[in-house]
């Protein structure tokens, strides 16, 4: 889950939710909601949150994907024949 990875990155950076929120220009409550999985950030907000805690956003997404239990499908398998 993105929220778990965000929380881990924030704690590794030794940041409070309040500090991370101020850096990302969101509320502390919103950071809490994302970390708990109650809210999903937009791409723009995810980028700001990732920067606020010092990680690249793709790493949060990659890690979330790995733990989601979903099966990966090669892009060519998603194409439908015409």
Protein backbone atom coordinates (compact mmCIF):
# COMPACT_ATOMS: atom_id res chain seq x y z
CA UNK A 1 0.00 0.00 0.00
CA UNK A 2 1.24 3.49 -0.82
CA UNK A 3 0.38 4.74 2.66
CA UNK A 4 2.56 2.14 4.37
CA UNK A 5 5.51 3.01 2.15
CA UNK A 6 4.94 6.73 2.68
CA UNK A 7 4.86 6.27 6.46
CA UNK A 8 8.06 4.19 6.36
CA UNK A 9 9.84 6.83 4.25
CA UNK A 10 8.62 9.63 6.52
CA UNK A 11 9.82 7.86 9.65
CA UNK A 12 13.19 7.03 8.05
CA UNK A 13 13.53 10.75 7.28
CA UNK A 14 12.69 11.44 10.94
CA UNK A 15 9.81 13.72 9.97
CA UNK A 16 6.55 14.27 11.79
CA UNK A 17 3.30 14.16 9.88
CA UNK A 18 3.04 17.90 10.46
CA UNK A 19 6.44 18.62 8.91
CA UNK A 20 5.80 16.33 5.93
CA UNK A 21 2.41 17.95 5.43
CA UNK A 22 3.86 21.46 5.51
CA UNK A 23 6.50 20.51 2.95
CA UNK A 24 3.87 18.94 0.67
CA UNK A 25 1.39 21.80 1.20
CA UNK A 26 -1.34 19.53 2.59
CA UNK A 27 -2.81 19.13 6.07
CA UNK A 28 -1.45 16.80 8.72
CA UNK A 29 -4.83 15.09 8.74
CA UNK A 30 -4.51 14.37 5.03
CA UNK A 31 -1.06 12.79 5.49
CA UNK A 32 -2.58 10.62 8.21
CA UNK A 33 -5.46 9.59 5.93
CA UNK A 34 -3.07 8.62 3.12
CA UNK A 35 -0.84 6.67 5.49
CA UNK A 36 -3.85 4.78 6.88
CA UNK A 37 -5.20 4.05 3.40
CA UNK A 38 -8.35 6.08 3.98
CA UNK A 39 -7.55 8.46 1.12
CA UNK A 40 -5.67 8.03 -2.15
CA UNK A 41 -3.57 10.98 -3.28
CA UNK A 42 -3.76 12.45 -6.76
CA UNK A 43 -0.63 12.14 -8.88
CA UNK A 44 0.28 15.75 -8.11
CA UNK A 45 -0.15 15.25 -4.38
CA UNK A 46 1.74 11.96 -4.45
CA UNK A 47 4.66 13.72 -6.13
CA UNK A 48 4.64 16.45 -3.46
CA UNK A 49 4.37 13.94 -0.60
CA UNK A 50 7.21 11.84 -1.99
CA UNK A 51 9.42 14.91 -2.36
CA UNK A 52 8.50 16.03 1.15
CA UNK A 53 9.80 12.78 2.67
CA UNK A 54 12.78 12.51 0.32
CA UNK A 55 11.85 9.61 -1.96
CA UNK A 56 10.98 9.31 -5.61
CA UNK A 57 7.25 8.76 -6.19
CA UNK A 58 7.81 5.78 -8.48
CA UNK A 59 9.42 3.93 -5.58
CA UNK A 60 6.26 4.34 -3.52
CA UNK A 61 4.21 3.03 -6.43
CA UNK A 62 6.58 0.17 -7.22
CA UNK A 63 6.70 -0.97 -3.65
CA UNK A 64 2.92 -0.68 -3.35
CA UNK A 65 2.46 -2.74 -6.51
CA UNK A 66 4.78 -5.45 -5.25
CA UNK A 67 2.79 -5.92 -2.06
CA UNK A 68 -0.67 -5.58 -3.55
CA UNK A 69 -1.13 -9.22 -4.49
CA UNK A 70 -2.11 -8.28 -8.02
CA UNK A 71 -0.72 -10.17 -10.97
CA UNK A 72 1.50 -8.32 -13.40
CA UNK A 73 0.63 -8.58 -17.07
CA UNK A 74 3.06 -7.80 -19.85
CA UNK A 75 1.98 -4.73 -21.86
CA UNK A 76 1.76 -6.75 -25.09
CA UNK A 77 -0.79 -9.03 -23.43
CA UNK A 78 -3.04 -6.02 -22.83
CA UNK A 79 -3.32 -5.25 -26.53
CA UNK A 80 -6.39 -6.55 -28.32
CA UNK A 81 -6.09 -7.73 -31.88
CA UNK A 82 -7.86 -5.55 -34.42
